[in-house]
Amino acid sequence: MPIIEIHVLEGRSSEVKARAAAAITQAAAEGFGVSKDTVRILVTEHKKDEFYVGGRAGRATDKAKAGLVAENKGEKS
């Protein structure tokens, strides 16, 4: 039975997490060739100051976007 851990920043609705869990369950069941009923998903939410990207607290998407902007300008973030 696949057990999948997902770590996200807090703030997503139950509906969004359920939708993601359903999609991930489907993909895991197909990929591993198992029944969807055997797929386990654990969602752990973290506060913004508990999540670090590049040594700084904050949202990964914000930091990733900043890195892409810097790369496009030929700079390092």
Protein backbone atom coordinates (compact mmCIF):
# COMPACT_ATOMS: atom_id res chain seq x y z
CA MET A 1 0.00 0.00 0.00
CA PRO A 2 1.51 3.34 -1.03
CA ILE A 3 1.73 5.96 1.72
CA ILE A 4 2.22 9.48 0.40
CA GLU A 5 3.17 12.46 2.56
CA ILE A 6 2.32 15.97 1.40
CA HIS A 7 3.63 19.07 3.15
CA VAL A 8 1.91 22.37 2.34
CA LEU A 9 1.59 25.81 3.82
CA GLU A 10 -1.58 26.24 5.84
CA GLY A 11 -4.52 28.03 4.34
CA ARG A 12 -5.85 25.70 1.68
CA SER A 13 -9.49 24.73 2.01
CA SER A 14 -10.64 21.18 2.75
CA GLU A 15 -12.11 21.07 -0.74
CA VAL A 16 -8.77 21.90 -2.37
CA LYS A 17 -6.95 19.29 -0.28
CA ALA A 18 -9.63 16.69 -1.07
CA ARG A 19 -9.37 17.45 -4.80
CA ALA A 20 -5.58 17.10 -4.68
CA ALA A 21 -5.83 13.88 -2.67
CA ALA A 22 -8.26 12.39 -5.20
CA ALA A 23 -5.96 13.23 -8.12
CA ILE A 24 -2.86 11.96 -6.34
CA THR A 25 -4.69 8.79 -5.30
CA GLN A 26 -5.68 8.12 -8.91
CA ALA A 27 -2.13 8.67 -10.16
CA ALA A 28 -0.58 6.52 -7.43
CA ALA A 29 -3.06 3.69 -8.00
CA GLU A 30 -2.34 3.71 -11.74
CA GLY A 31 1.41 4.10 -11.32
CA PHE A 32 1.80 1.38 -8.71
CA GLY A 33 -0.89 -0.86 -10.19
CA VAL A 34 -2.86 -1.04 -6.94
CA SER A 35 -6.43 -0.38 -5.85
CA LYS A 36 -7.25 3.22 -4.93
CA ASP A 37 -8.49 1.85 -1.60
CA THR A 38 -4.92 0.96 -0.64
CA VAL A 39 -3.47 4.45 -1.23
CA ARG A 40 -2.87 6.46 1.95
CA ILE A 41 -2.23 10.21 1.90
CA LEU A 42 -1.04 12.28 4.85
CA VAL A 43 -1.35 16.06 4.56
CA THR A 44 0.73 18.13 6.97
CA GLU A 45 0.21 21.87 7.06
CA HIS A 46 2.94 24.27 8.10
CA LYS A 47 2.90 27.91 9.11
CA LYS A 48 4.68 30.34 6.79
CA ASP A 49 7.55 30.81 9.28
CA GLU A 50 8.11 27.03 9.43
CA PHE A 51 8.76 26.65 5.70
CA TYR A 52 12.11 27.75 4.30
CA VAL A 53 13.27 28.25 0.74
CA GLY A 54 16.85 29.27 0.12
CA GLY A 55 17.36 29.67 3.86
CA ARG A 56 14.52 32.20 4.18
CA ALA A 57 11.08 31.68 5.64
CA GLY A 58 8.28 32.12 3.17
CA ARG A 59 6.23 30.58 0.44
CA ALA A 60 8.07 28.43 -2.06
CA THR A 61 6.07 29.84 -4.95
CA ASP A 62 7.06 33.39 -4.03
CA LYS A 63 10.73 32.42 -3.85
CA ALA A 64 10.56 30.37 -7.03
CA LYS A 65 8.96 33.26 -8.91
CA ALA A 66 11.62 35.62 -7.60
CA GLY A 67 14.31 33.19 -8.77
CA LEU A 68 12.79 32.95 -12.23
CA VAL A 69 12.63 36.71 -12.52
CA ALA A 70 16.28 37.00 -11.42
CA GLU A 71 17.33 34.24 -13.88
CA ASN A 72 15.56 36.02 -16.69
CA LYS A 73 17.56 39.14 -15.88
CA GLY A 74 20.81 37.11 -15.70
CA GLU A 75 21.08 37.50 -11.95
CA LYS A 76 21.28 34.98 -9.13
CA SER A 77 18.67 35.05 -6.36
